[in-house]
């Protein structure tokens, strides 16, 4: 089928999508001509949303084929996304909340009871007849299976006989009706018989060729064995099929009632478990304190016993030492008298000179280059990039990182990434202008290179916006936590307050790999002066971070254009 995007025809054959919990839908056959309108109806969970996503190239089919505007699926999914779109209808396309086990069982019980009410009377009234018919089918399947080896010879004989009859009728038709001068009223009927015989011979030869393939015979044998087994089982269960159905329905209803009791009890159990956990924690704390106290008491008793022994030894040592002290004091007195006589008698000039040397033995000479006039100027390179990062983080709390309209329209991945980055970068430019105005004219911040400072901050704004966009686009709501965590790592490893060499080894290790490191170092040279090598190096690093983040965002946008089945079916929760 060929058409244009403005006259798109849609066809599907055997289309299906299968997930981890089974088929969302399967064996879909659909033909929609250009300009036609088709409504898809079904209960919740029947796969309507998945079918629409598959037909618009946003979900990969597991079986079958489809074609949209001449583009085959799943080979041309990107091209189909480019010419199709999905409209958002509140209350229709919204995802259903997660169901509990009890709610699933209630839904299952309702379906089972409905089916039992519909087919139960027939099964109860005709159970014996179902068993007899199933027995006939089982015996017939067994007989065919036992004579399956004779089928190729019989098929050959049938094909030869059919072809012989077809040739005989064709010759008879030519002999009787070939001469137009002698028309016969039965020629029309003979012609029809000749054509029917030819078709029958062709079909017989086709069947003969089919049964001569051993793979086909093996598959037919397996199918006959399966049919015999299932029919035999149905024959045995047929007479009491109604009673089995009633028992199964009763068990389903009991399971449904039990599930609701378990769901109600689970809430009480959770509350009781919390109280039990609090009590167990208090008991564990008390037992731990008692164990620690007993250990300290035992250790104290041992230390006291050892201390008494040491005290006894020390008393004896003190007694003998008193005699030595008395002798030593007499020697000290004599030595002090001798030392006094040996002390030199300095005059006032000598005493003053020696006093100056003792009070100030070393003189310190220091010189500062590119001194910051105050603390505000010294901390500005640290807090300016902090404000720009927070600005990008808040902007992406209000603006989606990926344009949903562009995703739905199947736009290019780079276009989607740049369209989500440009608005936040524009806000960052306005934030930079406002920030520089307040710092320069409101707070009196003096910058050695004002133009270079503004240009470098615009490059930092572009880098921060690209990084925050990628984290939000790739990780969703969890990306906001990662943005905040990355900010903390940059603040602690950038060296904005104290030299990074005084920080723990971990922050020294990540210091060269984060963009704020290069921004702080570059702003110091631009605001207070100095060599510009760190500024050029930082510019190259920021451009590399910006390009890499935009490329990663484009890759994430390409992945978001294809919806996975698990995105539509949340896990069960009790």
Protein backbone atom coordinates (compact mmCIF):
# COMPACT_ATOMS: atom_id res chain seq x y z
CA UNK A 1 0.00 0.00 0.00
CA UNK A 2 1.52 3.36 -1.03
CA UNK A 3 0.47 6.78 0.29
CA UNK A 4 1.84 10.12 1.37
CA UNK A 5 2.03 11.52 4.93
CA UNK A 6 -1.03 13.67 4.18
CA UNK A 7 -2.92 10.57 3.02
CA UNK A 8 -1.47 8.01 5.43
CA UNK A 9 -2.89 4.51 5.29
CA UNK A 10 -2.34 2.20 8.27
CA UNK A 11 -2.22 -1.61 8.06
CA UNK A 12 -1.30 -4.25 10.63
CA UNK A 13 -1.00 -8.05 10.39
CA UNK A 14 -0.54 -10.28 13.44
CA UNK A 15 0.78 -7.31 15.44
CA UNK A 16 1.61 -7.92 19.11
CA UNK A 17 3.63 -6.50 22.04
CA UNK A 18 4.87 -8.78 24.82
CA UNK A 19 6.30 -7.70 28.17
CA UNK A 20 7.73 -9.42 31.23
CA UNK A 21 4.20 -10.24 32.47
CA UNK A 22 2.79 -11.54 29.20
CA UNK A 23 1.18 -10.11 26.08
CA UNK A 24 -0.16 -6.55 26.21
CA UNK A 25 -1.98 -7.35 22.93
CA UNK A 26 -1.48 -9.83 20.11
CA UNK A 27 -2.77 -10.95 16.66
CA UNK A 28 -4.06 -7.47 15.74
CA UNK A 29 -5.27 -7.16 12.12
CA UNK A 30 -6.08 -3.61 11.04
CA UNK A 31 -6.65 -1.75 7.79
CA UNK A 32 -7.33 2.00 7.84
CA UNK A 33 -7.51 3.87 4.56
CA UNK A 34 -6.41 7.51 4.11
CA UNK A 35 -8.77 9.92 5.86
CA UNK A 36 -10.60 7.22 7.85
CA UNK A 37 -11.36 7.44 11.59
CA UNK A 38 -11.16 4.31 13.76
CA UNK A 39 -12.03 4.10 17.49
CA UNK A 40 -10.31 1.44 19.61
CA UNK A 41 -12.53 0.20 22.44
CA UNK A 42 -11.73 -2.17 25.29
CA UNK A 43 -11.56 -2.51 29.08
CA UNK A 44 -8.66 -1.24 31.19
CA UNK A 45 -5.50 -3.27 30.63
CA UNK A 46 -6.54 -4.55 27.19
CA UNK A 47 -3.54 -2.89 25.47
CA UNK A 48 -5.16 0.10 23.77
CA UNK A 49 -2.38 2.54 24.70
CA UNK A 50 0.33 0.05 23.71
CA UNK A 51 -1.32 -0.46 20.30
CA UNK A 52 -1.38 3.30 19.61
CA UNK A 53 2.26 3.62 20.69
CA UNK A 54 3.29 0.71 18.46
CA UNK A 55 1.44 2.11 15.41
CA UNK A 56 3.13 5.54 15.85
CA UNK A 57 6.66 4.09 16.13
CA UNK A 58 7.00 4.69 19.86
CA UNK A 59 6.99 1.05 21.04
CA UNK A 60 8.80 -1.89 19.45
CA UNK A 61 6.43 -4.72 18.36
CA UNK A 62 7.23 -8.27 19.54
CA UNK A 63 5.34 -10.02 16.72
CA UNK A 64 3.75 -9.27 13.37
CA UNK A 65 4.25 -6.36 11.00
CA UNK A 66 2.62 -3.00 10.32
CA UNK A 67 2.86 -0.23 7.74
CA UNK A 68 2.15 3.50 8.16
CA UNK A 69 2.18 5.73 5.07
CA UNK A 70 4.23 3.12 3.20
CA UNK A 71 6.83 2.90 6.01
CA UNK A 72 7.23 -0.62 7.44
CA UNK A 73 7.31 -1.23 11.20
CA UNK A 74 9.48 -1.97 13.13
CA UNK A 75 12.21 -1.22 10.52
CA UNK A 76 11.33 2.48 10.04
CA UNK A 77 10.27 3.51 13.55
CA UNK A 78 12.16 6.82 13.49
CA UNK A 79 10.60 7.81 10.15
CA UNK A 80 7.10 6.92 11.42
CA UNK A 81 7.66 9.02 14.55
CA UNK A 82 8.55 11.96 12.33
CA UNK A 83 5.13 11.97 10.57
CA UNK A 84 2.84 10.87 13.44
CA UNK A 85 1.79 12.39 16.76
CA UNK A 86 -0.25 11.42 19.82
CA UNK A 87 -2.76 13.85 21.32
CA UNK A 88 -3.00 14.11 25.12
CA UNK A 89 -6.60 13.68 26.34
CA UNK A 90 -6.91 14.07 30.16
CA UNK A 91 -8.65 11.11 31.71
CA UNK A 92 -8.07 8.94 28.62
CA UNK A 93 -4.31 8.78 28.08
CA UNK A 94 -3.38 9.18 31.76
CA UNK A 95 -1.67 6.15 33.31
CA UNK A 96 -3.62 4.09 35.83
CA UNK A 97 -2.28 3.99 39.41
CA UNK A 98 -0.66 0.80 40.69
CA UNK A 99 -3.15 -1.85 41.85
CA UNK A 100 -2.76 -3.93 44.96
CA UNK A 101 -2.88 -7.72 44.94
CA UNK A 102 -6.35 -7.63 46.51
CA UNK A 103 -7.69 -5.36 43.75
CA UNK A 104 -6.23 -7.61 41.03
CA UNK A 105 -7.85 -10.68 42.62
CA UNK A 106 -11.18 -8.89 42.91
CA UNK A 107 -11.04 -8.03 39.20
CA UNK A 108 -10.11 -11.65 38.39
CA UNK A 109 -12.94 -12.98 40.57
CA UNK A 110 -15.46 -10.73 38.81
CA UNK A 111 -14.31 -12.00 35.39
CA UNK A 112 -14.38 -15.66 36.51
CA UNK A 113 -17.87 -15.33 38.02
CA UNK A 114 -19.11 -13.66 34.83
CA UNK A 115 -17.72 -16.44 32.64
CA UNK A 116 -19.10 -19.12 35.00
CA UNK A 117 -22.56 -17.56 34.91
CA UNK A 118 -22.46 -17.53 31.10
CA UNK A 119 -21.11 -21.00 30.31
CA UNK A 120 -21.85 -22.86 33.56
CA UNK A 121 -25.41 -23.97 32.74
CA UNK A 122 -24.36 -25.37 29.34
CA UNK A 123 -21.39 -27.25 30.84
CA UNK A 124 -23.53 -28.78 33.61
CA UNK A 125 -26.28 -29.83 31.18
CA UNK A 126 -24.00 -31.26 28.45
CA UNK A 127 -21.01 -32.53 30.42
CA UNK A 128 -21.51 -36.17 29.38
CA UNK A 129 -21.99 -35.24 25.72
CA UNK A 130 -18.77 -33.16 25.84
CA UNK A 131 -16.96 -36.19 27.24
CA UNK A 132 -18.29 -38.52 24.50
CA UNK A 133 -17.39 -36.11 21.70
CA UNK A 134 -13.94 -35.58 23.19
CA UNK A 135 -13.43 -39.36 23.31
CA UNK A 136 -14.34 -39.63 19.61
CA UNK A 137 -11.86 -36.86 18.79
CA UNK A 138 -9.13 -38.52 20.88
CA UNK A 139 -9.66 -41.91 19.21
CA UNK A 140 -9.71 -40.31 15.77
CA UNK A 141 -6.48 -38.40 16.47
CA UNK A 142 -4.85 -41.62 17.70
CA UNK A 143 -5.94 -43.52 14.60
CA UNK A 144 -4.63 -40.83 12.29
CA UNK A 145 -1.36 -40.74 14.24
CA UNK A 146 -0.90 -44.51 13.94
CA UNK A 147 -1.46 -44.41 10.16
CA UNK A 148 0.57 -41.24 9.57
CA UNK A 149 3.42 -43.23 7.95
CA UNK A 150 1.04 -44.39 5.20
CA UNK A 151 0.05 -40.81 4.36
CA UNK A 152 2.87 -40.08 1.79
CA UNK A 153 2.03 -43.18 -0.29
CA UNK A 154 -1.69 -42.43 -0.15
CA UNK A 155 -1.03 -38.79 -1.08
CA UNK A 156 1.07 -39.90 -4.08
CA UNK A 157 -1.67 -42.26 -5.24
CA UNK A 158 -4.32 -39.56 -4.82
CA UNK A 159 -2.19 -37.04 -6.73
CA UNK A 160 -1.66 -39.50 -9.62
CA UNK A 161 -5.34 -40.40 -9.78
CA UNK A 162 -6.40 -36.74 -9.64
CA UNK A 163 -3.93 -35.77 -12.35
CA UNK A 164 -5.08 -38.71 -14.53
CA UNK A 165 -8.74 -37.73 -14.18
CA UNK A 166 -7.85 -34.09 -14.95
CA UNK A 167 -5.96 -35.09 -18.10
CA UNK A 168 -8.74 -37.45 -19.19
CA UNK A 169 -11.40 -34.72 -18.77
CA UNK A 170 -9.21 -32.21 -20.64
CA UNK A 171 -8.78 -34.64 -23.56
CA UNK A 172 -12.49 -35.47 -23.59
CA UNK A 173 -13.32 -31.72 -23.62
CA UNK A 174 -11.01 -31.07 -26.57
CA UNK A 175 -12.41 -34.03 -28.51
CA UNK A 176 -16.03 -33.12 -27.95
CA UNK A 177 -16.02 -29.32 -27.77
CA UNK A 178 -12.85 -28.35 -29.65
CA UNK A 179 -14.65 -28.17 -33.06
CA UNK A 180 -16.68 -24.93 -33.13
CA UNK A 181 -18.74 -26.22 -36.09
CA UNK A 182 -20.44 -28.78 -33.86
CA UNK A 183 -21.34 -26.97 -30.64
CA UNK A 184 -22.64 -29.08 -27.77
CA UNK A 185 -24.93 -27.85 -25.02
CA UNK A 186 -22.93 -29.71 -22.37
CA UNK A 187 -19.60 -28.03 -23.30
CA UNK A 188 -20.01 -25.31 -20.67
CA UNK A 189 -20.57 -27.90 -17.94
CA UNK A 190 -17.64 -30.01 -19.27
CA UNK A 191 -15.38 -26.95 -19.22
CA UNK A 192 -16.27 -26.26 -15.59
CA UNK A 193 -15.64 -29.93 -14.70
CA UNK A 194 -12.26 -29.82 -16.51
CA UNK A 195 -11.19 -26.67 -14.55
CA UNK A 196 -12.37 -28.10 -11.22
CA UNK A 197 -10.46 -31.35 -11.95
CA UNK A 198 -7.31 -29.36 -12.79
CA UNK A 199 -7.57 -27.41 -9.51
CA UNK A 200 -8.18 -30.63 -7.55
CA UNK A 201 -5.12 -32.27 -9.17
CA UNK A 202 -2.95 -29.24 -8.36
CA UNK A 203 -4.14 -29.24 -4.75
CA UNK A 204 -3.52 -33.03 -4.49
CA UNK A 205 0.03 -32.58 -5.80
CA UNK A 206 0.57 -29.71 -3.33
CA UNK A 207 -0.60 -31.92 -0.47
CA UNK A 208 1.64 -34.75 -1.69
CA UNK A 209 4.66 -32.42 -1.73
CA UNK A 210 3.76 -31.17 1.74
CA UNK A 211 3.50 -34.62 3.35
CA UNK A 212 6.75 -35.75 1.73
CA UNK A 213 8.61 -33.15 3.85
CA UNK A 214 9.65 -35.00 7.01
CA UNK A 215 9.55 -31.77 9.05
CA UNK A 216 5.90 -31.29 8.17
CA UNK A 217 5.12 -34.89 9.13
CA UNK A 218 6.97 -34.49 12.43
CA UNK A 219 5.07 -31.32 13.21
CA UNK A 220 1.76 -32.97 12.26
CA UNK A 221 2.64 -35.94 14.49
CA UNK A 222 3.31 -33.63 17.44
CA UNK A 223 0.06 -31.76 16.84
CA UNK A 224 -1.88 -35.04 16.70
CA UNK A 225 -0.24 -36.22 19.93
CA UNK A 226 -1.17 -32.95 21.62
CA UNK A 227 -4.74 -33.18 20.28
CA UNK A 228 -5.05 -36.79 21.50
CA UNK A 229 -3.71 -35.88 24.96
CA UNK A 230 -5.96 -32.84 25.38
CA UNK A 231 -9.05 -34.62 24.00
CA UNK A 232 -8.38 -37.61 26.27
CA UNK A 233 -8.11 -35.29 29.27
CA UNK A 234 -11.36 -33.54 28.29
CA UNK A 235 -13.08 -36.92 27.84
CA UNK A 236 -12.09 -37.94 31.39
CA UNK A 237 -13.16 -34.62 32.92
CA UNK A 238 -16.24 -34.01 30.75
CA UNK A 239 -18.84 -35.83 32.89
CA UNK A 240 -17.89 -33.84 36.02
CA UNK A 241 -16.78 -30.63 34.24
CA UNK A 242 -19.65 -28.65 35.77
CA UNK A 243 -18.68 -29.69 39.31
CA UNK A 244 -15.03 -28.79 38.61
CA UNK A 245 -16.11 -25.38 37.32
CA UNK A 246 -18.19 -24.73 40.46
CA UNK A 247 -15.27 -25.80 42.67
CA UNK A 248 -12.84 -23.54 40.81
CA UNK A 249 -15.20 -20.56 41.09
CA UNK A 250 -15.62 -21.24 44.81
CA UNK A 251 -11.84 -21.32 45.33
CA UNK A 252 -11.38 -18.08 43.38
CA UNK A 253 -14.01 -16.39 45.54
CA UNK A 254 -12.37 -17.73 48.71
CA UNK A 255 -8.99 -16.48 47.51
CA UNK A 256 -10.50 -13.07 46.76
CA UNK A 257 -12.03 -12.85 50.26
CA UNK A 258 -8.76 -14.01 51.84
CA UNK A 259 -6.75 -11.46 49.88
CA UNK A 260 -8.91 -8.62 51.20
CA UNK A 261 -8.49 -9.96 54.74
CA UNK A 262 -4.71 -10.13 54.19
CA UNK A 263 -4.72 -6.56 52.81
CA UNK A 264 -6.62 -5.29 55.87
CA UNK A 265 -4.39 -7.28 58.22
CA UNK A 266 -1.26 -6.04 56.49
CA UNK A 267 -2.04 -2.48 57.61
CA UNK A 268 -2.51 -3.58 61.21
CA UNK A 269 0.61 -5.73 60.99
CA UNK A 270 2.63 -2.79 59.68
CA UNK A 271 1.48 -0.59 62.57
CA UNK A 272 2.20 -3.33 65.12
CA UNK A 273 5.55 -4.05 63.54
CA UNK A 274 6.55 -0.41 63.97
CA UNK A 275 5.68 -0.48 67.66
CA UNK A 276 7.45 -3.81 68.07
CA UNK A 277 10.53 -2.42 66.36
CA UNK A 278 10.53 0.62 68.69
CA UNK A 279 10.23 -1.63 71.75
CA UNK A 280 12.91 -3.99 70.49
CA UNK A 281 15.22 -1.03 69.92
CA UNK A 282 14.68 0.23 73.46
CA UNK A 283 15.28 -3.26 74.87
CA UNK A 284 18.44 -3.63 72.80
CA UNK A 285 19.72 -0.24 74.02
CA UNK A 286 19.08 -1.25 77.65
CA UNK A 287 20.77 -4.62 77.21
CA UNK A 288 23.74 -2.93 75.56
CA UNK A 289 24.09 -0.43 78.43
CA UNK A 290 23.83 -3.24 81.00
CA UNK A 291 26.49 -5.25 79.19
CA UNK A 292 28.80 -2.21 78.97
CA UNK A 293 28.30 -1.43 82.68
CA UNK A 294 29.04 -4.99 83.72
CA UNK A 295 32.20 -4.98 81.61
CA UNK A 296 33.34 -1.68 83.10
CA UNK A 297 32.67 -2.96 86.63
CA UNK A 298 34.72 -6.11 85.97
CA UNK A 299 37.55 -4.09 84.44
CA UNK A 300 37.46 -1.64 87.36
CA UNK A 301 37.74 -4.43 89.93
CA UNK A 302 40.79 -5.85 88.14
CA UNK A 303 42.35 -2.39 87.89
CA UNK A 304 41.69 -1.76 91.60
CA UNK A 305 43.41 -5.02 92.55
CA UNK A 306 46.40 -4.19 90.37
CA UNK A 307 46.49 -0.63 91.74
CA UNK A 308 46.65 -1.83 95.37
CA UNK A 309 49.66 -3.99 94.49
CA UNK A 310 51.37 -1.11 92.71
CA UNK A 311 50.61 1.19 95.66
CA UNK A 312 52.36 -1.21 98.01
CA UNK A 313 55.42 -1.41 95.74
CA UNK A 314 55.41 2.35 95.35
CA UNK A 315 55.32 2.94 99.10
CA UNK A 316 58.45 0.84 99.50
CA UNK A 317 60.16 2.65 96.60
CA UNK A 318 59.19 6.02 98.14
CA UNK A 319 60.64 5.04 101.50
CA UNK A 320 64.03 4.18 99.95
CA UNK A 321 63.88 7.22 97.72
CA UNK A 322 63.53 9.60 100.65
CA UNK A 323 67.06 8.75 101.75
CA UNK A 324 68.37 9.32 98.20
CA UNK A 325 66.51 12.68 98.05
CA UNK A 326 68.12 13.82 101.25
CA UNK A 327 71.60 13.02 99.92
CA UNK A 328 70.82 14.64 96.56
CA UNK A 329 69.53 17.87 98.11
CA UNK A 330 72.82 18.33 99.97
CA UNK A 331 74.75 17.86 96.70
CA UNK A 332 72.38 20.33 94.88
CA UNK A 333 72.95 23.00 97.53
CA UNK A 334 76.69 22.69 97.14
CA UNK A 335 76.48 22.79 93.37
CA UNK A 336 74.26 25.92 93.39
CA UNK A 337 76.79 27.78 95.53
CA UNK A 338 79.52 26.83 93.03
CA UNK A 339 77.35 27.90 90.04
CA UNK A 340 76.56 31.31 91.50
CA UNK A 341 80.22 32.11 91.65
CA UNK A 342 80.63 31.14 87.93
CA UNK A 343 77.74 33.38 86.49
CA UNK A 344 79.20 36.28 84.44
CA UNK A 345 78.31 39.84 85.47
CA UNK A 346 77.00 41.58 82.25
CA UNK A 347 76.57 45.34 82.11
CA UNK A 348 73.36 47.09 80.94
CA UNK A 349 74.43 47.28 77.25
CA UNK A 350 75.18 43.57 77.03
CA UNK A 351 71.94 42.65 78.76
CA UNK A 352 69.85 44.79 76.36
CA UNK A 353 71.53 43.27 73.27
CA UNK A 354 70.96 39.72 74.44
CA UNK A 355 67.37 40.53 75.38
CA UNK A 356 66.62 41.75 71.83
CA UNK A 357 68.12 38.59 70.31
CA UNK A 358 66.09 36.32 72.63
CA UNK A 359 62.78 38.16 72.06
CA UNK A 360 63.00 38.42 68.21
CA UNK A 361 65.42 35.85 66.80
CA UNK A 362 63.92 35.81 63.19
CA UNK A 363 62.52 38.63 61.03
CA UNK A 364 59.71 37.76 58.54
CA UNK A 365 59.50 39.57 55.18
CA UNK A 366 56.30 39.11 53.06
CA UNK A 367 55.02 40.53 49.74
CA UNK A 368 51.49 40.13 48.24
CA UNK A 369 50.74 40.13 44.48
CA UNK A 370 47.24 40.91 43.16
CA UNK A 371 45.86 41.50 46.65
CA UNK A 372 42.07 41.42 47.10
CA UNK A 373 40.98 44.63 48.83
CA UNK A 374 38.41 42.90 51.07
CA UNK A 375 36.80 39.55 51.92
CA UNK A 376 33.91 40.13 49.49
CA UNK A 377 36.26 40.42 46.54
CA UNK A 378 38.16 37.33 47.71
CA UNK A 379 35.02 35.20 47.98
CA UNK A 380 33.34 36.49 44.77
CA UNK A 381 34.95 33.81 42.50
CA UNK A 382 33.43 31.16 44.79
CA UNK A 383 29.88 32.48 45.21
CA UNK A 384 29.27 33.75 41.65
CA UNK A 385 29.35 30.23 40.03
CA UNK A 386 27.33 28.93 42.99
CA UNK A 387 24.52 31.39 42.13
CA UNK A 388 24.65 30.43 38.43
CA UNK A 389 24.37 26.69 39.24
CA UNK A 390 21.40 27.32 41.57
CA UNK A 391 19.79 29.43 38.83
CA UNK A 392 20.04 26.57 36.30
CA UNK A 393 18.78 24.06 38.89
CA UNK A 394 15.68 26.19 39.71
CA UNK A 395 15.03 26.88 36.00
CA UNK A 396 14.80 23.16 35.21
CA UNK A 397 12.37 22.72 38.10
CA UNK A 398 10.01 24.99 36.14
CA UNK A 399 10.94 24.17 32.53
CA UNK A 400 10.97 20.53 31.27
CA UNK A 401 14.45 19.44 30.12
CA UNK A 402 13.02 17.89 26.93
CA UNK A 403 10.28 19.51 24.85
CA UNK A 404 7.33 17.08 25.00
CA UNK A 405 5.85 18.44 21.77
CA UNK A 406 9.11 17.85 19.94
CA UNK A 407 9.31 14.32 21.37
CA UNK A 408 5.76 13.54 20.25
CA UNK A 409 6.36 15.00 16.78
CA UNK A 410 9.44 12.80 16.29
CA UNK A 411 11.90 15.69 15.88
CA UNK A 412 15.65 15.07 15.67
CA UNK A 413 17.44 14.26 18.92
CA UNK A 414 19.84 17.24 18.64
CA UNK A 415 16.97 19.57 17.94
CA UNK A 416 15.11 18.34 21.03
CA UNK A 417 18.21 18.74 23.21
CA UNK A 418 19.02 22.27 22.00
CA UNK A 419 15.36 23.41 22.22
CA UNK A 420 15.32 22.38 25.90
CA UNK A 421 18.72 24.03 26.59
CA UNK A 422 18.30 27.42 24.90
CA UNK A 423 15.51 28.87 27.16
CA UNK A 424 17.49 28.10 30.33
CA UNK A 425 20.69 29.49 28.78
CA UNK A 426 18.78 32.69 27.90
CA UNK A 427 17.58 32.98 31.51
CA UNK A 428 21.19 32.40 32.61
CA UNK A 429 22.35 35.31 30.41
CA UNK A 430 19.76 37.57 32.08
CA UNK A 431 20.83 36.27 35.50
CA UNK A 432 24.50 37.00 34.68
CA UNK A 433 23.66 40.55 33.58
CA UNK A 434 21.63 41.22 36.73
CA UNK A 435 24.32 39.68 38.94
CA UNK A 436 27.15 41.75 37.43
CA UNK A 437 25.06 44.93 37.68
CA UNK A 438 24.38 44.40 41.39
CA UNK A 439 27.99 43.43 42.16
CA UNK A 440 29.52 46.33 40.24
CA UNK A 441 27.16 49.22 40.99
CA UNK A 442 25.41 48.00 44.14
CA UNK A 443 28.26 46.39 46.09
CA UNK A 444 31.19 48.14 44.41
CA UNK A 445 33.04 45.05 43.21
CA UNK A 446 36.12 46.10 41.22
CA UNK A 447 37.15 43.78 38.36
CA UNK A 448 40.49 44.02 36.59
CA UNK A 449 38.99 42.60 33.36
CA UNK A 450 35.19 43.30 33.32
CA UNK A 451 34.53 42.21 29.72
CA UNK A 452 36.52 38.99 30.14
CA UNK A 453 34.64 38.29 33.39
CA UNK A 454 31.23 38.64 31.72
CA UNK A 455 32.24 36.46 28.75
CA UNK A 456 33.69 33.77 31.01
CA UNK A 457 30.48 33.75 33.13
CA UNK A 458 28.34 33.34 30.00
CA UNK A 459 30.40 30.28 29.08
CA UNK A 460 29.95 28.94 32.64
CA UNK A 461 26.18 29.55 32.37
CA UNK A 462 26.02 27.52 29.13
CA UNK A 463 28.00 24.68 30.74
CA UNK A 464 25.89 24.57 33.92
CA UNK A 465 22.59 24.65 31.96
CA UNK A 466 23.73 21.75 29.74
CA UNK A 467 24.87 19.59 32.70
CA UNK A 468 21.68 20.20 34.75
CA UNK A 469 19.54 19.53 31.63
CA UNK A 470 21.21 16.16 31.00
CA UNK A 471 20.84 15.01 34.62
CA UNK A 472 17.11 15.89 34.62
CA UNK A 473 16.49 14.40 31.15
CA UNK A 474 18.33 11.14 31.83
CA UNK A 475 17.29 10.40 35.42
CA UNK A 476 13.94 12.20 35.72
CA UNK A 477 12.95 13.34 39.26
CA UNK A 478 16.01 11.58 40.69
CA UNK A 479 18.13 13.90 38.54
CA UNK A 480 17.28 16.81 40.86
CA UNK A 481 18.91 14.94 43.74
CA UNK A 482 21.97 14.30 41.55
CA UNK A 483 22.15 17.99 40.62
CA UNK A 484 22.20 18.93 44.31
CA UNK A 485 24.76 16.22 45.13
CA UNK A 486 27.03 17.36 42.28
CA UNK A 487 26.79 20.94 43.60
CA UNK A 488 27.93 19.77 47.04
CA UNK A 489 30.90 17.94 45.53
CA UNK A 490 31.92 21.00 43.53
CA UNK A 491 31.67 23.36 46.51
CA UNK A 492 33.86 21.12 48.69
CA UNK A 493 36.49 20.42 46.03
CA UNK A 494 36.75 23.73 44.12
CA UNK A 495 39.15 25.37 46.63
CA UNK A 496 37.05 28.54 46.84
CA UNK A 497 37.46 29.11 50.58
CA UNK A 498 40.65 27.28 51.56
CA UNK A 499 43.36 25.66 49.44
CA UNK A 500 42.16 22.26 48.24
CA UNK A 501 45.44 20.74 49.47
CA UNK A 502 44.13 21.16 53.03
CA UNK A 503 41.00 19.08 52.26
CA UNK A 504 40.72 15.26 52.58
CA UNK A 505 42.23 13.09 49.85
CA UNK A 506 38.87 12.35 48.19
CA UNK A 507 38.25 16.01 47.35
CA UNK A 508 41.83 16.37 46.08
CA UNK A 509 41.16 13.39 43.75
CA UNK A 510 37.97 14.84 42.17
CA UNK A 511 39.25 18.45 42.11
CA UNK A 512 40.57 18.37 38.48
CA UNK A 513 37.42 16.69 37.04
CA UNK A 514 34.67 19.19 37.99
CA UNK A 515 33.84 22.39 36.04
CA UNK A 516 33.54 24.72 39.07
CA UNK A 517 37.26 24.17 39.80
CA UNK A 518 38.21 25.88 36.55
CA UNK A 519 35.56 28.62 36.93
CA UNK A 520 36.82 29.64 40.42
CA UNK A 521 40.45 29.71 39.26
CA UNK A 522 39.60 31.70 36.09
CA UNK A 523 37.45 34.27 37.95
CA UNK A 524 40.30 34.93 40.42
CA UNK A 525 42.57 35.94 37.54
CA UNK A 526 39.87 38.03 35.86
CA UNK A 527 38.72 39.88 39.01
CA UNK A 528 42.00 40.49 40.92
CA UNK A 529 44.47 40.17 38.02
CA UNK A 530 47.20 37.73 37.09
CA UNK A 531 48.24 35.43 34.29
CA UNK A 532 45.41 34.41 31.90
CA UNK A 533 46.53 30.82 31.22
CA UNK A 534 43.97 29.37 33.72
CA UNK A 535 41.24 31.42 31.98
CA UNK A 536 41.97 29.93 28.53
CA UNK A 537 42.36 26.45 29.99
CA UNK A 538 39.04 26.81 31.85
CA UNK A 539 37.30 28.03 28.68
CA UNK A 540 38.36 24.90 26.79
CA UNK A 541 37.21 22.66 29.66
CA UNK A 542 33.82 24.40 29.90
CA UNK A 543 33.27 24.08 26.13
CA UNK A 544 34.08 20.36 26.37
CA UNK A 545 31.65 19.88 29.29
CA UNK A 546 28.91 21.78 27.39
CA UNK A 547 29.31 19.74 24.20
CA UNK A 548 29.46 16.43 26.09
CA UNK A 549 26.35 17.26 28.18
CA UNK A 550 24.36 18.28 25.07
CA UNK A 551 25.41 15.06 23.30
CA UNK A 552 24.30 12.99 26.29
CA UNK A 553 20.98 14.89 26.40
CA UNK A 554 20.44 14.16 22.69
CA UNK A 555 21.11 10.48 23.34
CA UNK A 556 18.59 10.53 26.23
CA UNK A 557 16.02 12.27 23.99
CA UNK A 558 16.45 9.57 21.34
CA UNK A 559 15.74 6.93 23.97
CA UNK A 560 12.66 8.83 25.27
CA UNK A 561 11.09 8.72 21.80
CA UNK A 562 10.55 4.95 22.15
CA UNK A 563 8.18 3.99 24.98
CA UNK A 564 8.90 0.75 26.85
CA UNK A 565 6.17 -1.48 28.18
CA UNK A 566 7.36 -1.12 31.78
CA UNK A 567 6.81 2.67 31.51
CA UNK A 568 3.05 1.98 31.18
CA UNK A 569 2.63 -0.84 33.76
CA UNK A 570 3.81 0.06 37.30
CA UNK A 571 4.73 -2.76 39.66
CA UNK A 572 2.20 -4.16 42.14
CA UNK A 573 2.22 -2.70 45.67
CA UNK A 574 0.65 -4.21 48.81
